[in-house]
Amino acid sequence: MNTIKPIRTEADYREALARVEALFEALPGTPEFDELDILGTLVCAYEDQHYPIPEPDPIEYIKYKMAERGLRQRDLAAWLGGESRVSEILNRKRKLTAKMMKALHDNLGLSAEMLLAAA
């Protein structure tokens, strides 16, 4: 097992990624697998700090979920108060209300935190 050290720089990060790649086929229960597990945790922590993934745009996520499920604007009309209201929301001309967010959460499984960003 190599000496594991903190990832503080981009060079450390690249070195850790190379080592992770070399260990990728390690079998559970081996020292190499333990090293892979620890390095994976360190790499994730570095990426979270230096390469954060922004939260998805709530309106774009609603559109994505609609496409994923084959839904059209009229399919959301009953939940959001009519087709024109759905259009206004999807075109960012109207904010989501708490009632609409609850309906989207209940019917599409969207997280409340993500929907609050659109309010």
PDB file of N, CA and C in Angstrom:
ATOM      1  N   MET A   1       0.851  -1.178   0.000  1.00  0.00           N
ATOM      2  CA  MET A   1       0.000   0.000   0.000  1.00  0.00           C
ATOM      3  C   MET A   1       0.889   1.231   0.000  1.00  0.00           C
ATOM      4  N   ASN A   2       0.602   2.141  -0.923  1.00  0.00           N
ATOM      5  CA  ASN A   2       1.344   3.400  -0.995  1.00  0.00           C
ATOM      6  C   ASN A   2       0.984   4.270   0.194  1.00  0.00           C
ATOM      7  N   THR A   3       1.835   5.245   0.454  1.00  0.00           N
ATOM      8  CA  THR A   3       1.538   6.197   1.512  1.00  0.00           C
ATOM      9  C   THR A   3       0.441   7.127   1.013  1.00  0.00           C
ATOM     10  N   ILE A   4      -0.630   7.200   1.766  1.00  0.00           N
ATOM     11  CA  ILE A   4      -1.741   8.071   1.402  1.00  0.00           C
ATOM     12  C   ILE A   4      -1.523   9.404   2.078  1.00  0.00           C
ATOM     13  N   LYS A   5      -1.698  10.474   1.287  1.00  0.00           N
ATOM     14  CA  LYS A   5      -1.495  11.816   1.829  1.00  0.00           C
ATOM     15  C   LYS A   5      -2.671  12.691   1.414  1.00  0.00           C
ATOM     16  N   PRO A   6      -2.859  13.807   2.102  1.00  0.00           N
ATOM     17  CA  PRO A   6      -3.957  14.707   1.741  1.00  0.00           C
ATOM     18  C   PRO A   6      -3.795  15.233   0.311  1.00  0.00           C
ATOM     19  N   ILE A   7      -4.907  15.585  -0.295  1.00  0.00           N
ATOM     20  CA  ILE A   7      -4.890  16.184  -1.622  1.00  0.00           C
ATOM     21  C   ILE A   7      -5.055  17.687  -1.414  1.00  0.00           C
ATOM     22  N   ARG A   8      -3.977  18.419  -1.628  1.00  0.00           N
ATOM     23  CA  ARG A   8      -3.987  19.867  -1.378  1.00  0.00           C
ATOM     24  C   ARG A   8      -3.849  20.689  -2.649  1.00  0.00           C
ATOM     25  N   THR A   9      -3.265  20.097  -3.672  1.00  0.00           N
ATOM     26  CA  THR A   9      -3.003  20.846  -4.909  1.00  0.00           C
ATOM     27  C   THR A   9      -3.574  20.082  -6.094  1.00  0.00           C
ATOM     28  N   GLU A  10      -3.598  20.768  -7.224  1.00  0.00           N
ATOM     29  CA  GLU A  10      -4.052  20.129  -8.453  1.00  0.00           C
ATOM     30  C   GLU A  10      -3.129  18.965  -8.832  1.00  0.00           C
ATOM     31  N   ALA A  11      -1.844  19.130  -8.567  1.00  0.00           N
ATOM     32  CA  ALA A  11      -0.884  18.045  -8.852  1.00  0.00           C
ATOM     33  C   ALA A  11      -1.178  16.835  -7.962  1.00  0.00           C
ATOM     34  N   ASP A  12      -1.468  17.077  -6.679  1.00  0.00           N
ATOM     35  CA  ASP A  12      -1.843  15.983  -5.769  1.00  0.00           C
ATOM     36  C   ASP A  12      -3.098  15.284  -6.283  1.00  0.00           C
ATOM     37  N   TYR A  13      -4.039  16.082  -6.754  1.00  0.00           N
ATOM     38  CA  TYR A  13      -5.307  15.557  -7.264  1.00  0.00           C
ATOM     39  C   TYR A  13      -5.070  14.652  -8.476  1.00  0.00           C
ATOM     40  N   ARG A  14      -4.278  15.122  -9.432  1.00  0.00           N
ATOM     41  CA  ARG A  14      -3.980  14.316 -10.626  1.00  0.00           C
ATOM     42  C   ARG A  14      -3.253  13.022 -10.248  1.00  0.00           C
ATOM     43  N   GLU A  15      -2.358  13.120  -9.296  1.00  0.00           N
ATOM     44  CA  GLU A  15      -1.624  11.936  -8.831  1.00  0.00           C
ATOM     45  C   GLU A  15      -2.585  10.934  -8.182  1.00  0.00           C
ATOM     46  N   ALA A  16      -3.502  11.443  -7.382  1.00  0.00           N
ATOM     47  CA  ALA A  16      -4.476  10.563  -6.730  1.00  0.00           C
ATOM     48  C   ALA A  16      -5.377   9.898  -7.760  1.00  0.00           C
ATOM     49  N   LEU A  17      -5.807  10.653  -8.767  1.00  0.00           N
ATOM     50  CA  LEU A  17      -6.646  10.071  -9.821  1.00  0.00           C
ATOM     51  C   LEU A  17      -5.912   8.969 -10.566  1.00  0.00           C
ATOM     52  N   ALA A  18      -4.639   9.182 -10.837  1.00  0.00           N
ATOM     53  CA  ALA A  18      -3.848   8.156 -11.529  1.00  0.00           C
ATOM     54  C   ALA A  18      -3.759   6.896 -10.676  1.00  0.00           C
ATOM     55  N   ARG A  19      -3.591   7.087  -9.371  1.00  0.00           N
ATOM     56  CA  ARG A  19      -3.504   5.933  -8.475  1.00  0.00           C
ATOM     57  C   ARG A  19      -4.856   5.218  -8.384  1.00  0.00           C
ATOM     58  N   VAL A  20      -5.943   5.984  -8.335  1.00  0.00           N
ATOM     59  CA  VAL A  20      -7.282   5.383  -8.320  1.00  0.00           C
ATOM     60  C   VAL A  20      -7.482   4.529  -9.567  1.00  0.00           C
ATOM     61  N   GLU A  21      -7.069   5.062 -10.699  1.00  0.00           N
ATOM     62  CA  GLU A  21      -7.201   4.308 -11.948  1.00  0.00           C
ATOM     63  C   GLU A  21      -6.390   3.016 -11.895  1.00  0.00           C
ATOM     64  N   ALA A  22      -5.202   3.080 -11.323  1.00  0.00           N
ATOM     65  CA  ALA A  22      -4.361   1.882 -11.219  1.00  0.00           C
ATOM     66  C   ALA A  22      -4.965   0.843 -10.287  1.00  0.00           C
ATOM     67  N   LEU A  23      -5.716   1.306  -9.302  1.00  0.00           N
ATOM     68  CA  LEU A  23      -6.309   0.403  -8.303  1.00  0.00           C
ATOM     69  C   LEU A  23      -7.738  -0.008  -8.627  1.00  0.00           C
ATOM     70  N   PHE A  24      -8.263   0.456  -9.725  1.00  0.00           N
ATOM     71  CA  PHE A  24      -9.678   0.305 -10.013  1.00  0.00           C
ATOM     72  C   PHE A  24     -10.163  -1.136  -9.996  1.00  0.00           C
ATOM     73  N   GLU A  25      -9.345  -2.082 -10.331  1.00  0.00           N
ATOM     74  CA  GLU A  25      -9.743  -3.495 -10.371  1.00  0.00           C
ATOM     75  C   GLU A  25      -9.443  -4.232  -9.063  1.00  0.00           C
ATOM     76  N   ALA A  26      -9.081  -3.508  -8.013  1.00  0.00           N
ATOM     77  CA  ALA A  26      -8.742  -4.150  -6.735  1.00  0.00           C
ATOM     78  C   ALA A  26      -9.942  -4.914  -6.182  1.00  0.00           C
ATOM     79  N   LEU A  27      -9.652  -6.028  -5.572  1.00  0.00           N
ATOM     80  CA  LEU A  27     -10.702  -6.883  -5.011  1.00  0.00           C
ATOM     81  C   LEU A  27     -10.986  -6.504  -3.560  1.00  0.00           C
ATOM     82  N   PRO A  28     -12.259  -6.522  -3.171  1.00  0.00           N
ATOM     83  CA  PRO A  28     -12.612  -6.235  -1.773  1.00  0.00           C
ATOM     84  C   PRO A  28     -11.836  -7.145  -0.817  1.00  0.00           C
ATOM     85  N   GLY A  29     -11.459  -6.564   0.317  1.00  0.00           N
ATOM     86  CA  GLY A  29     -10.724  -7.322   1.318  1.00  0.00           C
ATOM     87  C   GLY A  29      -9.220  -7.262   1.157  1.00  0.00           C
ATOM     88  N   THR A  30      -8.752  -6.638   0.095  1.00  0.00           N
ATOM     89  CA  THR A  30      -7.308  -6.532  -0.124  1.00  0.00           C
ATOM     90  C   THR A  30      -6.819  -5.152   0.332  1.00  0.00           C
ATOM     91  N   PRO A  31      -5.536  -5.032   0.646  1.00  0.00           N
ATOM     92  CA  PRO A  31      -4.993  -3.716   0.992  1.00  0.00           C
ATOM     93  C   PRO A  31      -5.169  -2.697  -0.145  1.00  0.00           C
ATOM     94  N   GLU A  32      -5.096  -3.185  -1.381  1.00  0.00           N
ATOM     95  CA  GLU A  32      -5.274  -2.287  -2.521  1.00  0.00           C
ATOM     96  C   GLU A  32      -6.691  -1.725  -2.563  1.00  0.00           C
ATOM     97  N   PHE A  33      -7.658  -2.551  -2.218  1.00  0.00           N
ATOM     98  CA  PHE A  33      -9.049  -2.084  -2.191  1.00  0.00           C
ATOM     99  C   PHE A  33      -9.236  -1.047  -1.080  1.00  0.00           C
ATOM    100  N   ASP A  34      -8.617  -1.288   0.066  1.00  0.00           N
ATOM    101  CA  ASP A  34      -8.685  -0.308   1.158  1.00  0.00           C
ATOM    102  C   ASP A  34      -8.075   1.026   0.720  1.00  0.00           C
ATOM    103  N   GLU A  35      -6.958   0.954   0.024  1.00  0.00           N
ATOM    104  CA  GLU A  35      -6.318   2.171  -0.479  1.00  0.00           C
ATOM    105  C   GLU A  35      -7.240   2.886  -1.469  1.00  0.00           C
ATOM    106  N   LEU A  36      -7.865   2.123  -2.346  1.00  0.00           N
ATOM    107  CA  LEU A  36      -8.805   2.689  -3.308  1.00  0.00           C
ATOM    108  C   LEU A  36      -9.965   3.377  -2.592  1.00  0.00           C
ATOM    109  N   ASP A  37     -10.476   2.752  -1.568  1.00  0.00           N
ATOM    110  CA  ASP A  37     -11.583   3.314  -0.791  1.00  0.00           C
ATOM    111  C   ASP A  37     -11.188   4.651  -0.156  1.00  0.00           C
ATOM    112  N   ILE A  38     -10.027   4.692   0.453  1.00  0.00           N
ATOM    113  CA  ILE A  38      -9.545   5.922   1.105  1.00  0.00           C
ATOM    114  C   ILE A  38      -9.277   7.010   0.073  1.00  0.00           C
ATOM    115  N   LEU A  39      -8.610   6.639  -1.015  1.00  0.00           N
ATOM    116  CA  LEU A  39      -8.325   7.625  -2.065  1.00  0.00           C
ATOM    117  C   LEU A  39      -9.613   8.162  -2.687  1.00  0.00           C
ATOM    118  N   GLY A  40     -10.586   7.291  -2.855  1.00  0.00           N
ATOM    119  CA  GLY A  40     -11.872   7.730  -3.400  1.00  0.00           C
ATOM    120  C   GLY A  40     -12.515   8.787  -2.523  1.00  0.00           C
ATOM    121  N   THR A  41     -12.442   8.597  -1.218  1.00  0.00           N
ATOM    122  CA  THR A  41     -12.986   9.574  -0.276  1.00  0.00           C
ATOM    123  C   THR A  41     -12.230  10.896  -0.375  1.00  0.00           C
ATOM    124  N   LEU A  42     -10.914  10.835  -0.444  1.00  0.00           N
ATOM    125  CA  LEU A  42     -10.108  12.053  -0.559  1.00  0.00           C
ATOM    126  C   LEU A  42     -10.367  12.797  -1.874  1.00  0.00           C
ATOM    127  N   VAL A  43     -10.475  12.043  -2.964  1.00  0.00           N
ATOM    128  CA  VAL A  43     -10.745  12.647  -4.262  1.00  0.00           C
ATOM    129  C   VAL A  43     -12.116  13.324  -4.252  1.00  0.00           C
ATOM    130  N   CYS A  44     -13.123  12.663  -3.699  1.00  0.00           N
ATOM    131  CA  CYS A  44     -14.468  13.252  -3.621  1.00  0.00           C
ATOM    132  C   CYS A  44     -14.460  14.539  -2.805  1.00  0.00           C
ATOM    133  N   ALA A  45     -13.755  14.534  -1.689  1.00  0.00           N
ATOM    134  CA  ALA A  45     -13.685  15.735  -0.848  1.00  0.00           C
ATOM    135  C   ALA A  45     -13.014  16.882  -1.605  1.00  0.00           C
ATOM    136  N   TYR A  46     -11.943  16.589  -2.320  1.00  0.00           N
ATOM    137  CA  TYR A  46     -11.252  17.622  -3.101  1.00  0.00           C
ATOM    138  C   TYR A  46     -12.174  18.157  -4.202  1.00  0.00           C
ATOM    139  N   GLU A  47     -12.857  17.252  -4.903  1.00  0.00           N
ATOM    140  CA  GLU A  47     -13.750  17.675  -5.982  1.00  0.00           C
ATOM    141  C   GLU A  47     -14.914  18.507  -5.445  1.00  0.00           C
ATOM    142  N   ASP A  48     -15.464  18.109  -4.306  1.00  0.00           N
ATOM    143  CA  ASP A  48     -16.562  18.876  -3.721  1.00  0.00           C
ATOM    144  C   ASP A  48     -16.129  20.304  -3.406  1.00  0.00           C
ATOM    145  N   GLN A  49     -14.893  20.454  -2.972  1.00  0.00           N
ATOM    146  CA  GLN A  49     -14.394  21.774  -2.607  1.00  0.00           C
ATOM    147  C   GLN A  49     -13.979  22.590  -3.832  1.00  0.00           C
ATOM    148  N   HIS A  50     -13.338  21.954  -4.805  1.00  0.00           N
ATOM    149  CA  HIS A  50     -12.762  22.688  -5.931  1.00  0.00           C
ATOM    150  C   HIS A  50     -13.570  22.632  -7.218  1.00  0.00           C
ATOM    151  N   TYR A  51     -14.458  21.673  -7.342  1.00  0.00           N
ATOM    152  CA  TYR A  51     -15.282  21.525  -8.541  1.00  0.00           C
ATOM    153  C   TYR A  51     -16.738  21.259  -8.159  1.00  0.00           C
ATOM    154  N   PRO A  52     -17.343  22.172  -7.396  1.00  0.00           N
ATOM    155  CA  PRO A  52     -18.721  21.914  -6.969  1.00  0.00           C
ATOM    156  C   PRO A  52     -19.673  21.868  -8.166  1.00  0.00           C
ATOM    157  N   ILE A  53     -20.654  21.006  -8.052  1.00  0.00           N
ATOM    158  CA  ILE A  53     -21.667  20.887  -9.094  1.00  0.00           C
ATOM    159  C   ILE A  53     -22.852  21.749  -8.665  1.00  0.00           C
ATOM    160  N   PRO A  54     -23.200  22.745  -9.469  1.00  0.00           N
ATOM    161  CA  PRO A  54     -24.304  23.611  -9.069  1.00  0.00           C
ATOM    162  C   PRO A  54     -25.633  22.857  -9.083  1.00  0.00           C
ATOM    163  N   GLU A  55     -26.547  23.335  -8.262  1.00  0.00           N
ATOM    164  CA  GLU A  55     -27.886  22.760  -8.256  1.00  0.00           C
ATOM    165  C   GLU A  55     -28.514  22.982  -9.633  1.00  0.00           C
ATOM    166  N   PRO A  56     -29.327  22.039 -10.085  1.00  0.00           N
ATOM    167  CA  PRO A  56     -29.962  22.228 -11.388  1.00  0.00           C
ATOM    168  C   PRO A  56     -30.968  23.378 -11.338  1.00  0.00           C
ATOM    169  N   ASP A  57     -31.148  24.025 -12.467  1.00  0.00           N
ATOM    170  CA  ASP A  57     -32.153  25.058 -12.581  1.00  0.00           C
ATOM    171  C   ASP A  57     -33.524  24.396 -12.427  1.00  0.00           C
ATOM    172  N   PRO A  58     -34.345  24.872 -11.493  1.00  0.00           N
ATOM    173  CA  PRO A  58     -35.636  24.215 -11.230  1.00  0.00           C
ATOM    174  C   PRO A  58     -36.550  24.128 -12.455  1.00  0.00           C
ATOM    175  N   ILE A  59     -36.639  25.190 -13.233  1.00  0.00           N
ATOM    176  CA  ILE A  59     -37.524  25.171 -14.401  1.00  0.00           C
ATOM    177  C   ILE A  59     -37.006  24.184 -15.441  1.00  0.00           C
ATOM    178  N   GLU A  60     -35.701  24.182 -15.677  1.00  0.00           N
ATOM    179  CA  GLU A  60     -35.124  23.221 -16.619  1.00  0.00           C
ATOM    180  C   GLU A  60     -35.308  21.788 -16.123  1.00  0.00           C
ATOM    181  N   TYR A  61     -35.245  21.611 -14.808  1.00  0.00           N
ATOM    182  CA  TYR A  61     -35.439  20.270 -14.256  1.00  0.00           C
ATOM    183  C   TYR A  61     -36.888  19.823 -14.422  1.00  0.00           C
ATOM    184  N   ILE A  62     -37.829  20.747 -14.258  1.00  0.00           N
ATOM    185  CA  ILE A  62     -39.240  20.412 -14.497  1.00  0.00           C
ATOM    186  C   ILE A  62     -39.412  19.978 -15.954  1.00  0.00           C
ATOM    187  N   LYS A  63     -38.821  20.736 -16.869  1.00  0.00           N
ATOM    188  CA  LYS A  63     -38.905  20.385 -18.289  1.00  0.00           C
ATOM    189  C   LYS A  63     -38.261  19.027 -18.572  1.00  0.00           C
ATOM    190  N   TYR A  64     -37.135  18.775 -17.924  1.00  0.00           N
ATOM    191  CA  TYR A  64     -36.459  17.482 -18.092  1.00  0.00           C
ATOM    192  C   TYR A  64     -37.354  16.341 -17.617  1.00  0.00           C
ATOM    193  N   LYS A  65     -37.961  16.516 -16.431  1.00  0.00           N
ATOM    194  CA  LYS A  65     -38.834  15.470 -15.894  1.00  0.00           C
ATOM    195  C   LYS A  65     -40.051  15.258 -16.784  1.00  0.00           C
ATOM    196  N   MET A  66     -40.560  16.349 -17.350  1.00  0.00           N
ATOM    197  CA  MET A  66     -41.688  16.222 -18.276  1.00  0.00           C
ATOM    198  C   MET A  66     -41.276  15.387 -19.490  1.00  0.00           C
ATOM    199  N   ALA A  67     -40.132  15.706 -20.069  1.00  0.00           N
ATOM    200  CA  ALA A  67     -39.653  14.968 -21.244  1.00  0.00           C
ATOM    201  C   ALA A  67     -39.388  13.508 -20.893  1.00  0.00           C
ATOM    202  N   GLU A  68     -38.793  13.291 -19.738  1.00  0.00           N
ATOM    203  CA  GLU A  68     -38.469  11.934 -19.297  1.00  0.00           C
ATOM    204  C   GLU A  68     -39.720  11.069 -19.184  1.00  0.00           C
ATOM    205  N   ARG A  69     -40.807  11.672 -18.748  1.00  0.00           N
ATOM    206  CA  ARG A  69     -42.058  10.926 -18.554  1.00  0.00           C
ATOM    207  C   ARG A  69     -43.038  11.077 -19.710  1.00  0.00           C
ATOM    208  N   GLY A  70     -42.620  11.798 -20.748  1.00  0.00           N
ATOM    209  CA  GLY A  70     -43.499  11.979 -21.901  1.00  0.00           C
ATOM    210  C   GLY A  70     -44.693  12.871 -21.598  1.00  0.00           C
ATOM    211  N   LEU A  71     -44.522  13.811 -20.679  1.00  0.00           N
ATOM    212  CA  LEU A  71     -45.615  14.700 -20.298  1.00  0.00           C
ATOM    213  C   LEU A  71     -45.582  15.966 -21.143  1.00  0.00           C
ATOM    214  N   ARG A  72     -46.752  16.553 -21.330  1.00  0.00           N
ATOM    215  CA  ARG A  72     -46.864  17.828 -22.022  1.00  0.00           C
ATOM    216  C   ARG A  72     -47.400  18.854 -21.037  1.00  0.00           C
ATOM    217  N   GLN A  73     -47.412  20.100 -21.456  1.00  0.00           N
ATOM    218  CA  GLN A  73     -47.856  21.156 -20.557  1.00  0.00           C
ATOM    219  C   GLN A  73     -49.265  20.887 -20.039  1.00  0.00           C
ATOM    220  N   ARG A  74     -50.126  20.376 -20.900  1.00  0.00           N
ATOM    221  CA  ARG A  74     -51.508  20.129 -20.460  1.00  0.00           C
ATOM    222  C   ARG A  74     -51.572  19.055 -19.379  1.00  0.00           C
ATOM    223  N   ASP A  75     -50.571  18.168 -19.335  1.00  0.00           N
ATOM    224  CA  ASP A  75     -50.556  17.134 -18.301  1.00  0.00           C
ATOM    225  C   ASP A  75     -50.301  17.732 -16.920  1.00  0.00           C
ATOM    226  N   LEU A  76     -49.637  18.859 -16.865  1.00  0.00           N
ATOM    227  CA  LEU A  76     -49.362  19.531 -15.596  1.00  0.00           C
ATOM    228  C   LEU A  76     -50.451  20.542 -15.219  1.00  0.00           C
ATOM    229  N   ALA A  77     -51.355  20.816 -16.143  1.00  0.00           N
ATOM    230  CA  ALA A  77     -52.375  21.852 -15.944  1.00  0.00           C
ATOM    231  C   ALA A  77     -53.212  21.615 -14.692  1.00  0.00           C
ATOM    232  N   ALA A  78     -53.612  20.403 -14.443  1.00  0.00           N
ATOM    233  CA  ALA A  78     -54.453  20.117 -13.267  1.00  0.00           C
ATOM    234  C   ALA A  78     -53.697  20.379 -11.969  1.00  0.00           C
ATOM    235  N   TRP A  79     -52.396  20.171 -11.976  1.00  0.00           N
ATOM    236  CA  TRP A  79     -51.594  20.369 -10.772  1.00  0.00           C
ATOM    237  C   TRP A  79     -51.270  21.833 -10.533  1.00  0.00           C
ATOM    238  N   LEU A  80     -51.119  22.597 -11.628  1.00  0.00           N
ATOM    239  CA  LEU A  80     -50.588  23.959 -11.512  1.00  0.00           C
ATOM    240  C   LEU A  80     -51.600  25.059 -11.813  1.00  0.00           C
ATOM    241  N   GLY A  81     -52.853  24.698 -12.115  1.00  0.00           N
ATOM    242  CA  GLY A  81     -53.875  25.725 -12.286  1.00  0.00           C
ATOM    243  C   GLY A  81     -54.168  26.124 -13.715  1.00  0.00           C
ATOM    244  N   GLY A  82     -53.992  25.249 -14.647  1.00  0.00           N
ATOM    245  CA  GLY A  82     -54.349  25.528 -16.028  1.00  0.00           C
ATOM    246  C   GLY A  82     -53.148  25.568 -16.955  1.00  0.00           C
ATOM    247  N   GLU A  83     -53.430  25.353 -18.240  1.00  0.00           N
ATOM    248  CA  GLU A  83     -52.359  25.310 -19.240  1.00  0.00           C
ATOM    249  C   GLU A  83     -51.636  26.642 -19.372  1.00  0.00           C
ATOM    250  N   SER A  84     -52.368  27.751 -19.293  1.00  0.00           N
ATOM    251  CA  SER A  84     -51.712  29.052 -19.435  1.00  0.00           C
ATOM    252  C   SER A  84     -50.767  29.310 -18.265  1.00  0.00           C
ATOM    253  N   ARG A  85     -51.153  28.860 -17.081  1.00  0.00           N
ATOM    254  CA  ARG A  85     -50.281  29.024 -15.919  1.00  0.00           C
ATOM    255  C   ARG A  85     -49.026  28.172 -16.071  1.00  0.00           C
ATOM    256  N   VAL A  86     -49.174  26.959 -16.571  1.00  0.00           N
ATOM    257  CA  VAL A  86     -48.008  26.098 -16.815  1.00  0.00           C
ATOM    258  C   VAL A  86     -47.070  26.776 -17.798  1.00  0.00           C
ATOM    259  N   SER A  87     -47.620  27.329 -18.856  1.00  0.00           N
ATOM    260  CA  SER A  87     -46.803  28.030 -19.843  1.00  0.00           C
ATOM    261  C   SER A  87     -46.067  29.205 -19.213  1.00  0.00           C
ATOM    262  N   GLU A  88     -46.761  29.980 -18.390  1.00  0.00           N
ATOM    263  CA  GLU A  88     -46.127  31.117 -17.719  1.00  0.00           C
ATOM    264  C   GLU A  88     -44.974  30.671 -16.826  1.00  0.00           C
ATOM    265  N   ILE A  89     -45.162  29.570 -16.123  1.00  0.00           N
ATOM    266  CA  ILE A  89     -44.115  29.048 -15.234  1.00  0.00           C
ATOM    267  C   ILE A  89     -42.910  28.579 -16.050  1.00  0.00           C
ATOM    268  N   LEU A  90     -43.183  27.796 -17.077  1.00  0.00           N
ATOM    269  CA  LEU A  90     -42.088  27.245 -17.878  1.00  0.00           C
ATOM    270  C   LEU A  90     -41.356  28.321 -18.674  1.00  0.00           C
ATOM    271  N   ASN A  91     -42.016  29.445 -18.913  1.00  0.00           N
ATOM    272  CA  ASN A  91     -41.380  30.568 -19.607  1.00  0.00           C
ATOM    273  C   ASN A  91     -40.888  31.637 -18.632  1.00  0.00           C
ATOM    274  N   ARG A  92     -40.898  31.293 -17.346  1.00  0.00           N
ATOM    275  CA  ARG A  92     -40.370  32.154 -16.281  1.00  0.00           C
ATOM    276  C   ARG A  92     -41.107  33.489 -16.151  1.00  0.00           C
ATOM    277  N   LYS A  93     -42.378  33.490 -16.481  1.00  0.00           N
ATOM    278  CA  LYS A  93     -43.191  34.702 -16.342  1.00  0.00           C
ATOM    279  C   LYS A  93     -44.003  34.675 -15.048  1.00  0.00           C
ATOM    280  N   ARG A  94     -44.024  33.532 -14.387  1.00  0.00           N
ATOM    281  CA  ARG A  94     -44.752  33.380 -13.132  1.00  0.00           C
ATOM    282  C   ARG A  94     -43.909  32.523 -12.194  1.00  0.00           C
ATOM    283  N   LYS A  95     -43.883  32.910 -10.940  1.00  0.00           N
ATOM    284  CA  LYS A  95     -43.166  32.139  -9.913  1.00  0.00           C
ATOM    285  C   LYS A  95     -44.043  30.985  -9.425  1.00  0.00           C
ATOM    286  N   LEU A  96     -43.380  29.956  -8.949  1.00  0.00           N
ATOM    287  CA  LEU A  96     -44.097  28.832  -8.345  1.00  0.00           C
ATOM    288  C   LEU A  96     -44.614  29.233  -6.966  1.00  0.00           C
ATOM    289  N   THR A  97     -45.820  28.805  -6.657  1.00  0.00           N
ATOM    290  CA  THR A  97     -46.361  28.994  -5.314  1.00  0.00           C
ATOM    291  C   THR A  97     -46.059  27.751  -4.495  1.00  0.00           C
ATOM    292  N   ALA A  98     -46.259  27.840  -3.201  1.00  0.00           N
ATOM    293  CA  ALA A  98     -46.037  26.674  -2.332  1.00  0.00           C
ATOM    294  C   ALA A  98     -46.932  25.514  -2.747  1.00  0.00           C
ATOM    295  N   LYS A  99     -48.160  25.806  -3.113  1.00  0.00           N
ATOM    296  CA  LYS A  99     -49.100  24.762  -3.544  1.00  0.00           C
ATOM    297  C   LYS A  99     -48.604  24.074  -4.819  1.00  0.00           C
ATOM    298  N   MET A 100     -48.084  24.871  -5.751  1.00  0.00           N
ATOM    299  CA  MET A 100     -47.553  24.302  -6.999  1.00  0.00           C
ATOM    300  C   MET A 100     -46.329  23.433  -6.716  1.00  0.00           C
ATOM    301  N   MET A 101     -45.456  23.922  -5.826  1.00  0.00           N
ATOM    302  CA  MET A 101     -44.260  23.151  -5.477  1.00  0.00           C
ATOM    303  C   MET A 101     -44.643  21.811  -4.864  1.00  0.00           C
ATOM    304  N   LYS A 102     -45.640  21.828  -4.003  1.00  0.00           N
ATOM    305  CA  LYS A 102     -46.103  20.581  -3.379  1.00  0.00           C
ATOM    306  C   LYS A 102     -46.634  19.634  -4.444  1.00  0.00           C
ATOM    307  N   ALA A 103     -47.412  20.167  -5.384  1.00  0.00           N
ATOM    308  CA  ALA A 103     -47.953  19.329  -6.454  1.00  0.00           C
ATOM    309  C   ALA A 103     -46.840  18.735  -7.315  1.00  0.00           C
ATOM    310  N   LEU A 104     -45.833  19.531  -7.641  1.00  0.00           N
ATOM    311  CA  LEU A 104     -44.712  19.024  -8.430  1.00  0.00           C
ATOM    312  C   LEU A 104     -43.910  17.983  -7.651  1.00  0.00           C
ATOM    313  N   HIS A 105     -43.769  18.225  -6.370  1.00  0.00           N
ATOM    314  CA  HIS A 105     -43.076  17.254  -5.512  1.00  0.00           C
ATOM    315  C   HIS A 105     -43.859  15.938  -5.472  1.00  0.00           C
ATOM    316  N   ASP A 106     -45.148  16.034  -5.226  1.00  0.00           N
ATOM    317  CA  ASP A 106     -45.984  14.836  -5.105  1.00  0.00           C
ATOM    318  C   ASP A 106     -46.108  14.062  -6.416  1.00  0.00           C
ATOM    319  N   ASN A 107     -46.205  14.781  -7.530  1.00  0.00           N
ATOM    320  CA  ASN A 107     -46.483  14.127  -8.809  1.00  0.00           C
ATOM    321  C   ASN A 107     -45.256  13.817  -9.664  1.00  0.00           C
ATOM    322  N   LEU A 108     -44.207  14.619  -9.516  1.00  0.00           N
ATOM    323  CA  LEU A 108     -43.000  14.378 -10.309  1.00  0.00           C
ATOM    324  C   LEU A 108     -41.811  13.939  -9.466  1.00  0.00           C
ATOM    325  N   GLY A 109     -41.960  14.008  -8.138  1.00  0.00           N
ATOM    326  CA  GLY A 109     -40.877  13.600  -7.253  1.00  0.00           C
ATOM    327  C   GLY A 109     -39.739  14.597  -7.168  1.00  0.00           C
ATOM    328  N   LEU A 110     -40.006  15.866  -7.504  1.00  0.00           N
ATOM    329  CA  LEU A 110     -38.960  16.888  -7.427  1.00  0.00           C
ATOM    330  C   LEU A 110     -38.733  17.296  -5.983  1.00  0.00           C
ATOM    331  N   SER A 111     -37.487  17.552  -5.622  1.00  0.00           N
ATOM    332  CA  SER A 111     -37.181  17.902  -4.238  1.00  0.00           C
ATOM    333  C   SER A 111     -37.682  19.307  -3.921  1.00  0.00           C
ATOM    334  N   ALA A 112     -38.156  19.476  -2.695  1.00  0.00           N
ATOM    335  CA  ALA A 112     -38.658  20.773  -2.247  1.00  0.00           C
ATOM    336  C   ALA A 112     -37.548  21.816  -2.272  1.00  0.00           C
ATOM    337  N   GLU A 113     -36.347  21.448  -1.866  1.00  0.00           N
ATOM    338  CA  GLU A 113     -35.228  22.391  -1.841  1.00  0.00           C
ATOM    339  C   GLU A 113     -34.935  22.929  -3.245  1.00  0.00           C
ATOM    340  N   MET A 114     -34.947  22.057  -4.223  1.00  0.00           N
ATOM    341  CA  MET A 114     -34.662  22.468  -5.585  1.00  0.00           C
ATOM    342  C   MET A 114     -35.778  23.378  -6.102  1.00  0.00           C
ATOM    343  N   LEU A 115     -37.017  23.063  -5.795  1.00  0.00           N
ATOM    344  CA  LEU A 115     -38.130  23.883  -6.255  1.00  0.00           C
ATOM    345  C   LEU A 115     -38.145  25.250  -5.604  1.00  0.00           C
ATOM    346  N   LEU A 116     -37.694  25.329  -4.366  1.00  0.00           N
ATOM    347  CA  LEU A 116     -37.667  26.618  -3.677  1.00  0.00           C
ATOM    348  C   LEU A 116     -36.771  27.618  -4.383  1.00  0.00           C
ATOM    349  N   ALA A 117     -35.782  27.140  -5.080  1.00  0.00           N
ATOM    350  CA  ALA A 117     -34.886  28.038  -5.816  1.00  0.00           C
ATOM    351  C   ALA A 117     -35.612  28.768  -6.933  1.00  0.00           C
ATOM    352  N   ALA A 118     -36.740  28.224  -7.401  1.00  0.00           N
ATOM    353  CA  ALA A 118     -37.515  28.858  -8.470  1.00  0.00           C
ATOM    354  C   ALA A 118     -38.554  29.823  -7.926  1.00  0.00           C
ATOM    355  N   ALA A 119     -38.777  29.790  -6.621  1.00  0.00           N
ATOM    356  CA  ALA A 119     -39.837  30.634  -6.041  1.00  0.00           C
ATOM    357  C   ALA A 119     -39.399  32.067  -5.906  1.00  0.00           C
TER     358      ALA A 119
END
